[in-house]
Protein backbone atom coordinates (compact mmCIF):
# COMPACT_ATOMS: atom_id res chain seq x y z
CA MET A 1 92.94 132.33 156.23
CA TYR A 2 89.38 131.54 154.75
CA SER A 3 88.54 134.52 152.63
CA SER A 4 85.84 135.69 150.30
CA ALA A 5 87.59 138.82 149.32
CA GLY A 6 90.04 138.87 146.62
CA GLU A 7 93.24 136.75 146.26
CA ARG A 8 96.02 139.62 146.01
CA ALA A 9 94.29 141.52 148.98
CA SER A 10 93.99 138.30 151.23
CA ARG A 11 97.59 137.60 150.62
CA GLU A 12 98.51 141.01 151.71
CA GLU A 13 96.16 140.74 154.76
CA LEU A 14 97.58 137.32 155.60
CA ARG A 15 101.25 138.83 155.40
CA SER A 16 100.35 141.62 157.81
CA PHE A 17 99.16 139.00 160.31
CA GLU A 18 102.40 137.28 160.09
CA GLN A 19 104.45 140.08 160.59
CA VAL A 20 102.56 141.04 163.51
CA ARG A 21 102.93 137.38 164.77
CA ILE A 22 106.65 137.24 164.35
CA PHE A 23 106.80 140.53 166.02
CA PHE A 24 104.94 139.57 169.44
CA ASN A 25 107.07 136.04 169.41
CA GLU A 26 110.23 137.57 169.58
CA LEU A 27 108.71 140.31 172.17
CA ILE A 28 106.92 137.54 174.14
CA PRO A 29 108.32 133.98 173.40
CA THR A 30 105.93 131.81 174.04
CA GLN A 31 105.96 129.46 177.14
CA GLU A 32 103.26 127.08 176.11
CA GLU A 33 103.48 123.60 175.65
CA HIS A 34 101.23 122.98 172.95
CA PRO A 35 100.87 126.72 170.96
CA ILE A 36 97.87 126.50 168.97
CA PRO A 37 97.18 127.95 165.25
CA THR A 38 95.36 130.97 164.54
CA ARG A 39 92.69 131.03 161.85
CA LEU A 40 91.70 134.14 159.80
CA VAL A 41 88.30 134.58 158.19
CA VAL A 42 88.12 137.44 156.07
CA PHE A 43 84.82 138.83 154.49
CA GLY A 44 84.72 140.65 151.20
CA SER A 45 82.21 143.01 152.19
CA LEU A 46 80.62 144.26 155.11
CA LYS A 47 77.12 142.94 153.95
CA GLU A 48 78.49 139.38 153.96
CA TYR A 49 79.91 140.06 157.38
CA GLU A 50 77.03 141.60 158.78
CA PRO A 51 75.20 138.00 160.12
CA TYR A 52 78.39 137.23 161.90
CA LYS A 53 79.30 140.18 163.61
CA PRO A 54 79.28 139.95 167.72
CA ASN A 55 77.87 143.45 168.25
CA GLU A 56 76.90 146.60 166.63
CA VAL A 57 80.45 148.20 166.80
CA ALA A 58 82.90 145.36 165.94
CA ILE A 59 84.39 145.55 162.39
CA ALA A 60 86.92 142.68 163.52
CA TYR A 61 87.04 140.34 166.49
CA PHE A 62 88.97 137.99 168.17
CA THR A 63 87.69 134.50 169.32
CA PRO A 64 89.95 132.15 171.56
CA GLY A 65 89.53 128.07 171.26
CA ALA A 66 90.86 125.25 172.61
CA GLU A 67 92.54 123.97 169.08
CA ARG A 68 92.55 127.29 167.41
CA ASP A 69 92.01 131.04 167.76
CA THR A 70 90.10 132.69 165.14
CA ILE A 71 90.28 136.53 164.28
CA VAL A 72 87.50 137.25 162.04
CA VAL A 73 87.89 140.59 159.83
CA GLY A 74 84.47 142.45 158.57
CA HIS A 75 85.86 144.06 155.42
CA ILE A 76 89.24 143.49 153.38
CA GLY A 77 89.02 147.26 152.29
CA LEU A 78 90.23 148.28 155.91
CA GLU A 79 93.68 149.23 156.50
CA ALA A 80 95.61 145.71 156.85
CA MET A 81 98.28 146.40 159.53
CA PRO A 82 96.26 148.59 162.28
CA THR A 83 93.56 145.86 162.29
CA ALA A 84 96.07 142.68 162.24
CA VAL A 85 98.10 144.18 165.18
CA HIS A 86 94.95 145.47 167.16
CA GLU A 87 93.15 141.96 167.03
CA TYR A 88 96.44 139.89 167.46
CA THR A 89 96.84 142.02 170.56
CA HIS A 90 93.81 140.52 171.88
CA LEU A 91 95.11 137.12 171.16
CA VAL A 92 98.29 137.98 172.67
CA LEU A 93 96.33 139.19 176.00
CA GLU A 94 94.39 136.06 175.87
CA HIS A 95 97.01 133.82 176.02
CA GLY A 96 99.10 135.93 178.43
CA HIS A 97 95.85 135.61 181.09
CA LEU A 98 95.53 139.13 181.37
CA ASN A 99 91.98 139.47 182.93
CA ALA A 100 91.59 142.90 181.41
CA PRO A 101 88.67 144.91 181.42
CA PRO A 102 87.02 146.26 178.35
CA TRP A 103 88.63 149.71 178.53
CA LEU A 104 92.10 148.26 179.19
CA ASN A 105 91.68 145.47 176.53
CA GLU A 106 90.67 147.97 173.64
CA GLY A 107 93.04 150.27 174.99
CA LEU A 108 96.22 148.19 174.63
CA ALA A 109 95.03 146.83 171.24
CA GLU A 110 94.59 150.42 169.83
CA ILE A 111 98.25 151.41 171.28
CA PHE A 112 99.85 148.40 169.42
CA SER A 113 97.77 148.82 166.35
CA THR A 114 100.21 152.10 165.69
CA MET A 115 103.32 149.62 165.28
CA ARG A 116 105.30 151.14 162.42
CA PRO A 117 108.97 150.63 161.42
CA ASN A 118 111.42 152.75 162.68
CA GLY A 119 114.92 152.72 162.04
CA GLY A 120 115.46 148.80 162.34
CA LYS A 121 113.32 149.25 165.15
CA VAL A 122 109.78 149.10 165.92
CA MET A 123 107.64 152.40 167.24
CA ILE A 124 104.46 151.88 169.44
CA GLY A 125 102.32 154.41 170.78
CA GLU A 126 102.19 157.34 168.51
CA PRO A 127 98.78 159.33 168.87
CA ILE A 128 95.64 158.21 166.94
CA LYS A 129 94.58 161.17 165.08
CA GLY A 130 91.01 160.09 164.79
CA ARG A 131 90.50 159.23 168.08
CA LEU A 132 92.29 162.03 169.58
CA TYR A 133 89.93 164.33 167.53
CA GLU A 134 86.86 162.65 168.79
CA MET A 135 88.24 163.37 172.31
CA LEU A 136 88.81 166.98 171.70
CA ASN A 137 85.58 167.69 169.90
CA SER A 138 83.02 165.10 171.77
CA LYS A 139 81.21 164.90 175.19
CA TRP A 140 82.81 162.27 177.29
CA ALA A 141 81.09 159.66 179.27
CA PRO A 142 81.96 159.63 182.69
CA LEU A 143 85.36 158.13 183.24
CA ALA A 144 83.93 155.99 186.39
CA THR A 145 80.86 154.68 184.20
CA LEU A 146 83.68 153.47 181.53
CA LEU A 147 85.88 151.79 184.02
CA ASP A 148 82.93 149.87 185.48
CA ALA A 149 81.73 148.86 182.18
CA ASP A 150 81.89 144.83 181.46
CA TYR A 151 81.58 143.02 178.09
CA ASN A 152 77.90 143.07 178.25
CA SER A 153 77.68 146.86 178.62
CA PRO A 154 76.29 149.02 176.21
CA TYR A 155 79.56 151.18 176.21
CA TYR A 156 80.98 147.93 174.62
CA ASN A 157 78.36 146.67 172.54
CA GLU A 158 76.12 149.50 171.22
CA LYS A 159 77.17 151.87 168.52
CA ASN A 160 76.08 155.20 169.82
CA ARG A 161 78.07 154.66 173.08
CA ALA A 162 80.96 152.34 172.20
CA GLY A 163 82.84 155.51 171.08
CA SER A 164 83.39 156.56 174.48
CA LEU A 165 84.83 153.33 175.84
CA TYR A 166 87.39 152.95 172.67
CA ASN A 167 88.41 156.53 172.76
CA GLU A 168 88.83 156.93 176.61
CA GLY A 169 90.12 153.58 177.02
CA TRP A 170 92.87 154.19 174.28
CA ALA A 171 93.54 157.71 175.83
CA LEU A 172 93.56 156.26 179.69
CA THR A 173 95.98 153.42 178.56
CA HIS A 174 98.13 155.56 176.60
CA MET A 175 98.56 158.02 179.82
CA LEU A 176 99.14 155.14 182.28
CA MET A 177 101.40 153.42 180.19
CA PHE A 178 103.55 156.23 178.81
CA GLU A 179 103.33 159.27 181.08
CA LYS A 180 105.90 159.63 183.59
CA ALA A 181 103.78 159.97 186.63
CA TYR A 182 102.20 156.67 186.00
CA SER A 183 104.28 154.46 183.67
CA PRO A 184 106.68 152.96 186.58
CA LYS A 185 103.48 151.50 188.25
CA PHE A 186 101.50 150.42 185.11
CA ASP A 187 102.75 146.54 185.31
CA GLU A 188 101.48 146.71 188.86
CA LEU A 189 98.22 147.75 187.41
CA LEU A 190 97.95 145.02 185.32
CA ARG A 191 98.76 142.64 187.94
CA VAL A 192 96.29 143.82 190.30
CA LEU A 193 93.62 143.95 187.52
CA SER A 194 94.34 140.38 186.46
CA GLY A 195 93.83 139.07 190.30
CA GLY A 196 90.17 140.23 189.56
CA THR A 197 90.53 143.65 191.65
CA PRO A 198 87.78 145.98 189.95
CA SER A 199 89.12 148.97 187.85
CA LEU A 200 87.42 151.40 190.34
CA GLU A 201 89.27 149.76 193.10
CA ALA A 202 92.40 149.22 191.43
CA ILE A 203 93.61 152.47 190.10
CA PRO A 204 93.44 154.33 193.61
CA GLN A 205 95.25 151.32 195.25
CA VAL A 206 98.10 151.49 192.37
CA PHE A 207 98.50 155.01 191.88
CA GLY A 208 97.10 156.64 195.13
CA VAL A 209 94.68 158.89 193.24
CA SER A 210 90.83 158.87 193.10
CA VAL A 211 89.08 158.33 189.61
CA ALA A 212 87.87 161.85 190.02
CA GLU A 213 91.55 162.93 189.79
CA LEU A 214 92.33 160.46 187.20
CA ASP A 215 89.73 162.16 185.20
CA LYS A 216 91.00 165.58 185.33
CA ALA A 217 94.43 164.53 184.71
CA LEU A 218 93.29 162.78 181.39
CA GLN A 219 91.45 165.69 180.34
CA SER A 220 94.68 167.80 180.64
CA TYR A 221 96.61 164.98 179.06
CA ILE A 222 95.12 164.99 175.58
CA HIS A 223 95.39 168.53 175.50
CA ARG A 224 99.27 168.32 175.26
CA ASP A 225 101.38 169.29 172.25
CA SER A 226 103.43 166.28 172.46
CA PHE A 227 103.28 162.50 173.35
CA TYR A 228 105.58 159.83 174.34
CA ALA A 229 106.08 156.61 172.42
CA ARG A 230 108.28 153.65 172.72
CA LEU A 231 110.49 151.91 170.44
CA TYR A 232 111.09 148.18 170.57
CA PRO A 233 114.43 146.40 169.34
CA THR A 234 112.71 144.29 167.08
CA LYS A 235 112.11 144.49 163.26
CA LEU A 236 109.08 143.65 161.18
CA GLU A 237 110.13 140.97 158.89
CA LYS A 238 109.25 141.23 155.24
CA ILE A 239 106.80 138.20 154.45
CA THR A 240 108.00 137.05 150.78
CA ASP A 241 106.39 133.47 150.63
CA THR A 242 104.37 132.62 147.82
CA LEU A 243 101.16 131.57 150.12
CA PRO A 244 99.39 129.48 147.39
CA ALA A 245 95.45 129.95 147.14
CA GLU A 246 92.88 127.24 146.40
CA PRO A 247 89.11 126.90 146.42
CA ALA A 248 87.64 125.93 150.03
CA PRO A 249 85.67 123.12 150.01
CA ASP A 250 81.86 123.74 150.36
CA PHE A 251 81.37 121.59 153.68
CA ASP A 252 84.31 123.41 155.43
CA VAL A 253 83.14 126.91 154.32
CA LYS A 254 79.61 126.01 155.93
CA LEU A 255 81.13 124.34 158.99
CA ILE A 256 82.92 127.74 159.59
CA GLU A 257 79.89 129.83 158.99
CA THR A 258 78.16 127.58 161.56
CA GLU A 259 80.88 127.99 164.10
CA LEU A 260 80.84 131.75 163.91
CA LEU A 261 76.91 131.71 163.93
CA THR A 262 76.53 129.64 167.17
CA ARG A 263 76.08 132.44 170.15
CA PRO A 264 73.38 133.45 172.16
CA GLY A 265 70.26 134.33 170.25
CA LYS A 266 71.21 132.17 167.03
CA GLU A 267 70.82 128.67 168.75
CA GLU A 268 68.32 127.39 166.30
CA ALA A 269 69.78 128.67 163.38
CA ALA A 270 73.05 126.87 164.39
CA ARG A 271 71.20 123.59 165.01
CA ARG A 272 69.59 123.44 161.39
CA SER A 273 72.62 124.16 159.71
CA LEU A 274 74.62 121.53 161.85
CA GLU A 275 71.77 119.11 161.22
CA GLN A 276 72.34 119.70 157.35
CA LEU A 277 75.96 119.23 157.51
CA ILE A 278 75.57 115.95 159.47
CA ALA A 279 73.02 114.77 156.56
CA GLN A 280 75.56 116.23 154.03
CA ASP A 281 78.54 114.03 155.23
CA PRO A 282 77.71 111.84 158.41
CA LYS A 283 81.19 110.44 158.67
CA ARG A 284 82.45 114.10 159.17
CA PRO A 285 83.10 114.39 163.32
CA GLU A 286 83.21 118.12 163.53
CA PRO A 287 79.07 118.93 163.38
CA PHE A 288 78.64 116.28 165.99
CA ALA A 289 81.16 117.95 168.25
CA GLN A 290 79.83 121.54 167.54
CA MET A 291 76.32 120.12 168.37
CA GLY A 292 77.62 118.61 171.56
CA TYR A 293 78.74 122.20 172.62
CA LEU A 294 75.47 123.63 171.37
CA GLU A 295 73.63 121.03 173.67
CA TRP A 296 75.83 122.03 176.63
CA ARG A 297 75.06 125.60 176.56
CA GLU A 298 71.57 124.73 176.31
CA ASN A 299 72.11 122.87 179.58
CA ASN A 300 71.39 119.29 178.06
CA PRO A 301 74.57 117.29 179.20
CA THR A 302 73.28 113.89 178.57
CA GLU A 303 72.53 114.74 174.91
CA ALA A 304 75.81 116.61 174.69
CA GLN A 305 77.71 113.73 175.92
CA LYS A 306 76.36 111.52 173.12
CA GLN A 307 77.28 114.21 170.30
CA PHE A 308 80.82 114.01 172.10
CA GLU A 309 80.99 110.26 171.92
CA LYS A 310 79.81 110.06 168.06
CA ALA A 311 82.58 112.81 167.30
CA PHE A 312 85.17 110.72 169.11
CA SER A 313 83.80 107.71 167.34
CA LEU A 314 84.33 109.30 164.07
CA GLY A 315 88.02 110.34 164.79
CA ASP A 316 87.67 113.67 166.43
CA ARG A 317 91.11 113.93 168.91
CA SER A 318 90.86 117.63 169.39
CA ARG A 319 92.08 118.18 173.06
CA ARG A 320 89.26 120.17 173.99
CA MET A 321 86.75 117.71 173.25
CA LEU A 322 88.57 114.88 174.56
CA TRP A 323 88.79 116.68 178.03
CA ASP A 324 85.43 117.67 178.05
CA LEU A 325 83.94 114.17 177.18
CA GLY A 326 86.34 112.46 179.49
CA CYS A 327 85.08 114.75 182.41
CA MET A 328 81.19 114.36 181.25
CA ALA A 329 81.68 110.59 180.78
CA THR A 330 83.54 109.72 184.03
CA TYR A 331 80.41 108.85 186.23
CA GLU A 332 77.69 108.16 183.30
CA ASN A 333 80.23 106.09 180.93
CA PRO A 334 83.39 105.58 182.72
CA LYS A 335 85.03 103.33 179.86
CA VAL A 336 84.23 106.07 177.29
CA ALA A 337 86.14 108.69 179.74
CA ILE A 338 89.17 106.07 179.88
CA ASN A 339 89.41 106.10 175.98
CA SER A 340 89.05 109.63 175.68
CA LEU A 341 91.25 110.69 178.61
CA THR A 342 94.18 108.13 177.47
CA GLU A 343 94.32 109.80 174.20
CA LEU A 344 94.46 113.41 175.72
CA LYS A 345 97.10 112.00 178.13
CA THR A 346 99.18 111.00 175.09
CA GLN A 347 98.90 114.44 173.32
CA GLU A 348 99.39 116.19 176.56
CA PRO A 349 101.94 114.06 178.93
CA ARG A 350 102.83 116.80 181.23
CA ARG A 351 99.14 118.03 181.96
CA GLY A 352 98.54 116.63 185.22
CA GLU A 353 94.78 117.31 185.66
CA VAL A 354 94.56 114.84 182.86
CA ARG A 355 95.86 112.01 184.80
CA VAL A 356 93.99 112.83 187.92
CA GLN A 357 90.79 112.80 185.75
CA LEU A 358 91.74 109.41 184.25
CA ALA A 359 92.22 107.92 187.64
CA MET A 360 88.65 108.89 188.91
CA ALA A 361 87.39 107.14 185.67
CA GLN A 362 89.18 104.04 186.29
CA VAL A 363 87.98 103.98 189.79
CA ARG A 364 84.52 104.19 188.67
CA ASN A 365 84.99 101.56 186.22
CA ARG A 366 86.18 99.36 189.03
CA GLN A 367 89.95 99.35 188.01
CA ALA A 368 91.38 100.45 191.26
CA GLY A 369 94.89 99.12 190.58
CA SER A 370 95.08 100.86 187.11
CA ALA A 371 93.86 104.30 188.88
CA MET A 372 96.99 103.66 191.58
CA GLY A 373 99.24 103.09 188.65
CA THR A 374 98.23 106.21 186.96
CA LEU A 375 98.40 108.44 190.15
CA ASN A 376 101.86 106.66 191.01
CA GLU A 377 103.02 107.58 187.64
CA MET A 378 102.04 111.12 187.51
CA ALA A 379 103.87 111.40 191.11
CA ALA A 380 106.90 110.07 189.77
CA ALA A 381 107.05 112.32 187.03
CA LYS A 382 106.64 115.17 189.39
CA LEU A 383 103.70 116.36 187.67
CA LEU A 384 101.63 116.69 190.95
CA THR A 385 100.48 120.63 191.44
CA GLN A 386 98.89 122.08 194.41
CA SER A 387 95.90 122.89 192.40
CA ASP A 388 95.60 119.00 191.19
CA ALA A 389 96.40 117.66 194.70
CA PRO A 390 92.79 117.71 196.25
CA ARG A 391 91.51 115.40 193.39
CA PHE A 392 94.48 113.40 193.35
CA PHE A 393 94.08 112.40 197.01
CA ILE A 394 90.42 111.92 196.51
CA ALA A 395 90.90 109.38 193.70
CA SER A 396 93.71 107.46 195.72
CA THR A 397 91.45 107.31 199.01
CA TYR A 398 88.66 105.70 196.81
CA ALA A 399 91.30 103.44 195.09
CA TYR A 400 92.98 102.39 198.40
CA ILE A 401 89.04 101.53 199.30
CA ASP A 402 88.43 99.40 196.49
CA LEU A 403 91.75 97.74 196.96
CA LYS A 404 90.66 97.03 200.46
CA GLN A 405 93.78 99.16 201.80
CA LEU A 406 91.81 100.99 204.45
CA GLU A 407 95.09 102.11 206.03
CA GLY A 408 96.30 103.68 202.61
CA ALA A 409 93.03 105.05 202.58
CA LYS A 410 93.33 106.82 205.65
CA ALA A 411 96.92 108.07 204.85
CA SER A 412 95.48 109.57 201.43
CA LEU A 413 92.56 110.88 203.12
CA LYS A 414 94.94 112.68 205.61
CA ARG A 415 96.84 114.56 202.70
CA LEU A 416 93.32 115.40 201.22
CA ASN A 417 92.58 117.43 204.55
CA GLU A 418 95.99 119.31 204.08
CA PHE A 419 94.94 120.61 200.45
CA ALA A 420 91.43 120.73 200.48
CA LYS A 421 90.24 124.33 199.84
CA GLU A 422 87.31 124.32 197.80
CA GLU A 423 84.03 123.27 199.12
CA ARG A 424 83.36 120.19 196.93
CA ASP A 425 86.90 119.03 198.38
CA LYS A 426 85.98 119.72 201.88
CA SER A 427 82.75 118.11 201.30
CA GLU A 428 84.35 114.64 200.36
CA ALA A 429 86.94 115.27 203.15
CA GLN A 430 84.10 115.13 205.64
CA TYR A 431 82.37 112.46 204.12
CA LEU A 432 85.04 109.88 203.62
CA PRO A 433 85.89 108.94 207.34
CA GLY A 434 82.48 108.22 208.02
CA TYR A 435 82.65 106.12 204.84
CA ILE A 436 85.71 104.30 205.75
CA ASP A 437 84.64 103.85 209.32
CA ARG A 438 81.43 101.92 208.25
CA LEU A 439 83.81 99.76 206.33
CA GLU A 440 86.12 99.05 209.11
CA GLN A 441 82.88 98.01 211.07
CA TYR A 442 81.83 95.76 208.41
CA ASN A 443 85.02 94.19 208.27
CA ARG A 444 85.03 93.71 212.17
CA ARG A 445 81.71 91.68 212.12
CA ALA A 446 82.51 89.48 209.31
CA ARG A 447 85.86 88.73 211.18
CA ALA A 448 83.65 88.08 214.46
CA SER A 449 81.26 85.87 212.40
CA GLY A 450 83.92 83.88 210.84
CA GLY A 451 83.96 85.67 207.28
CA ARG A 452 80.11 85.80 207.00
CA VAL A 453 78.34 88.97 207.96
CA PRO A 454 75.48 88.82 210.18
CA ALA A 455 71.97 90.15 209.67
CA ALA A 456 71.37 93.47 211.82
CA SER A 457 68.91 91.57 214.01
CA GLY A 458 68.04 87.71 213.94
CA GLY A 459 68.68 85.59 210.99
CA VAL A 460 69.04 86.74 207.49
CA ALA A 461 65.57 85.37 206.61
CA GLU A 462 63.87 87.20 209.43
CA MET A 463 64.86 90.51 208.44
CA ARG A 464 62.23 92.77 207.54
CA PRO A 465 62.84 96.59 207.08
CA VAL A 466 59.71 98.67 207.67
CA LEU A 467 59.98 101.88 205.74
CA VAL A 468 58.51 105.20 206.93
CA ARG A 469 55.43 107.06 205.47
CA PRO A 470 56.37 110.40 203.35
CA PRO A 471 55.83 113.54 204.60
CA SER A 472 52.11 114.79 204.97
CA SER A 473 52.86 117.84 202.39
CA VAL A 474 53.81 115.37 199.63
CA VAL A 475 50.94 114.49 197.19
CA SER A 476 50.06 110.74 196.57
CA ASP A 477 50.75 110.20 192.90
CA PRO A 478 54.41 108.61 192.71
CA SER A 479 54.52 109.41 188.88
CA LYS A 480 54.72 113.14 189.47
CA THR A 481 56.31 113.59 192.75
CA GLN A 482 59.94 113.64 194.00
CA VAL A 483 60.43 114.24 197.70
CA PHE A 484 63.91 115.24 197.13
CA ALA A 485 64.05 117.22 193.78
CA GLU A 486 67.47 117.92 193.85
CA LYS A 487 68.66 114.06 194.14
CA PRO A 488 68.98 111.77 191.00
CA SER A 489 66.55 109.03 190.43
CA VAL A 490 66.26 105.67 188.11
CA GLU A 491 63.15 103.63 187.01
CA GLY A 492 63.04 100.09 186.56
CA THR A 493 61.63 96.83 188.03
CA PHE A 494 62.06 95.60 191.72
CA ALA A 495 64.42 92.65 190.88
CA GLU A 496 65.94 91.51 194.40
CA PHE A 497 66.19 92.69 197.93
CA VAL A 498 69.24 91.53 199.77
CA CYS A 499 69.58 91.39 203.29
CA GLY A 500 72.33 92.16 205.89
CA ALA A 501 73.97 94.64 207.63
CA GLU A 502 73.48 96.83 204.96
CA PRO A 503 70.37 95.76 203.08
CA LYS A 504 70.41 96.21 199.24
CA VAL A 505 67.71 96.72 196.71
CA VAL A 506 68.33 95.38 193.25
CA LEU A 507 66.51 97.33 190.35
CA LYS A 508 66.81 96.16 186.83
CA THR A 509 66.57 98.82 184.11
CA ALA A 510 66.14 98.91 180.42
CA ALA A 511 70.00 98.81 180.09
CA GLU A 512 71.49 97.22 183.63
CA THR A 513 71.02 95.86 186.90
CA LYS A 514 71.70 98.76 189.57
CA THR A 515 71.87 98.02 193.43
CA PHE A 516 71.26 100.64 196.27
CA ILE A 517 72.13 100.40 199.67
CA ILE A 518 69.62 101.19 202.37
CA GLU A 519 71.62 102.72 205.41
CA ASP A 520 68.75 103.02 208.07
CA PRO A 521 65.41 101.65 207.23
CA LYS A 522 63.65 103.98 209.41
CA ARG A 523 64.74 106.97 207.49
CA ILE A 524 63.56 105.92 204.05
CA VAL A 525 60.47 107.50 202.70
CA VAL A 526 57.68 105.07 200.63
CA MET A 527 55.45 106.15 197.85
CA GLY A 528 52.81 104.35 196.26
CA LYS A 529 51.93 101.94 199.26
CA ASP A 530 49.27 102.13 201.51
CA GLY A 531 50.04 103.59 204.83
CA GLY A 532 53.40 104.79 203.37
CA LYS A 533 54.96 101.55 204.71
CA ALA A 534 56.45 98.43 202.84
CA GLU A 535 57.55 95.00 204.51
CA LEU A 536 60.21 93.70 202.12
CA SER A 537 61.11 89.76 202.13
CA CYS A 538 64.72 88.83 201.52
CA GLY A 539 65.58 87.36 198.09
CA ALA A 540 64.10 87.64 194.57
CA GLN A 541 60.85 89.76 193.94
CA GLN A 542 57.94 90.10 191.60
CA PRO A 543 59.11 92.18 188.97
CA ILE A 544 57.08 95.41 190.14
CA PRO A 545 57.72 98.69 188.90
CA MET A 546 59.75 101.03 191.02
CA ARG A 547 61.68 104.21 190.78
CA ILE A 548 64.45 105.09 193.43
CA GLN A 549 65.50 108.17 194.42
CA TYR A 550 69.19 108.38 195.78
CA GLU A 551 72.11 109.62 196.87
CA PRO A 552 74.93 108.91 194.53
CA ALA A 553 77.70 106.47 195.87
CA PRO A 554 81.23 107.54 195.95
CA PRO A 555 83.08 107.11 192.54
CA GLY A 556 84.30 103.48 192.63
CA SER A 557 81.63 102.09 194.75
CA GLU A 558 80.15 98.52 193.80
CA PHE A 559 76.44 99.92 194.08
CA GLU A 560 74.94 103.22 192.58
CA GLY A 561 73.86 104.96 195.69
CA TYR A 562 72.00 105.14 198.88
CA VAL A 563 68.27 104.86 198.88
CA ARG A 564 66.12 108.22 200.11
CA VAL A 565 62.58 107.19 198.71
CA LEU A 566 61.23 104.28 197.08
CA TYR A 567 58.45 104.87 194.43
CA PHE A 568 56.14 102.02 194.03
CA LEU A 569 54.46 102.73 190.67
């Protein structure tokens, strides 16, 4: 806990949360391989809390995270136990992967917030007098409107409307959970909602009543004289630990404040704060990691990757950051990806998707043998799941190709076709047969020529591809135009033209040399040349400035991509 409230009150708050944690852990034992800690941030006053509240109505809130969960309490003066239970219920629902709409999420949290000891057991579900009073004496919002409200709705975020969602959400959840006419199917409702079915469809589907009929039933329900509750055979353990307190380091406090501040609309303030923290202690990795996520949210993936790499170099080994860096760097900097994912594999040895991504990075780094070792090890450990299977067989297909084992590549491709369901996987499955076929044709020509690959026509020195003019709609300034705006491009100097069955353009950039293949000279667009044509001679070239727009090559290829446009600058 980090608290700006008094020491005694903070201890009581922490004890309340620990009681709740023990209760839920006994009620629903965790199945997570790597359970994560929960951090409490408690403010001493609502004035202190004001800059960090997510909306007008939240007096406390829960934020999930990959390394830790965070519960923020806006004022220590609130009754400790109900607040603790309410927010911890959100945490339990998050880890239970319940895709709950706001009315149900808040309704369940409110019901469990009534938790109290009862004869060695715990009672849940007593009516909340304040909410019941509001419902009996205030105008209701249409139930259909609240069932349809999402987390961006005014009924969830605005002070003058949110009361309806919290009040009616609590009452409806209470009725569906405890009333005999509905409670037997309550678990089925949770399952259907978790599957993504909207509330307006799920309720008629599960209970066989319309929303209008349910609205009338709810109005009748809250006018009852008595309500059901539920007893759980679990005690609320008394926490007697000493719980020592100490001053929090100023750097850590600022880091937490910045983390809470980083949300839409507060980006610039968060950036300034992170820059100050980096200047204060450039050896701490946390500000660089936070800056990486800030850049990522602002759609700057290249800068985000740089920040993650810096955090990694300074010792950040958080699982979330290791995974995100590994995925980002697989194609841009596979060596970094390998280091990051290898560390993550050590931390989470049973997480199959980490091994698949590691294999992809190894293929991209021209380590096909290592990639096959990673995949074989994964299969031997029985970690291959149906969800990981498509990328597993994509990685193994490319690894086999790199190892020049095309029969193995075909067998792996056949398995890919069995599992490919998503468009990206289907796209790979459609592309790879043609790619393997081109390699086989290349090998046949090589064998037919005694190991020497012949030119497409005539001798190698005579081959002069003629490249076609750009479309007439394209303007003539190559420094400002991209014929295929969606495709990547790279700029450098023209270093070499390699003739052969598949001619290659070698481009020297500021950092390295990149090779691009010309599949069909008649389909290449030329910019910056008179008449839109270029005759290329084999061999080394004058260092002419050039930009190439291209189709990226498959992972593990020894070239960067297939030329689509040549810009002579």
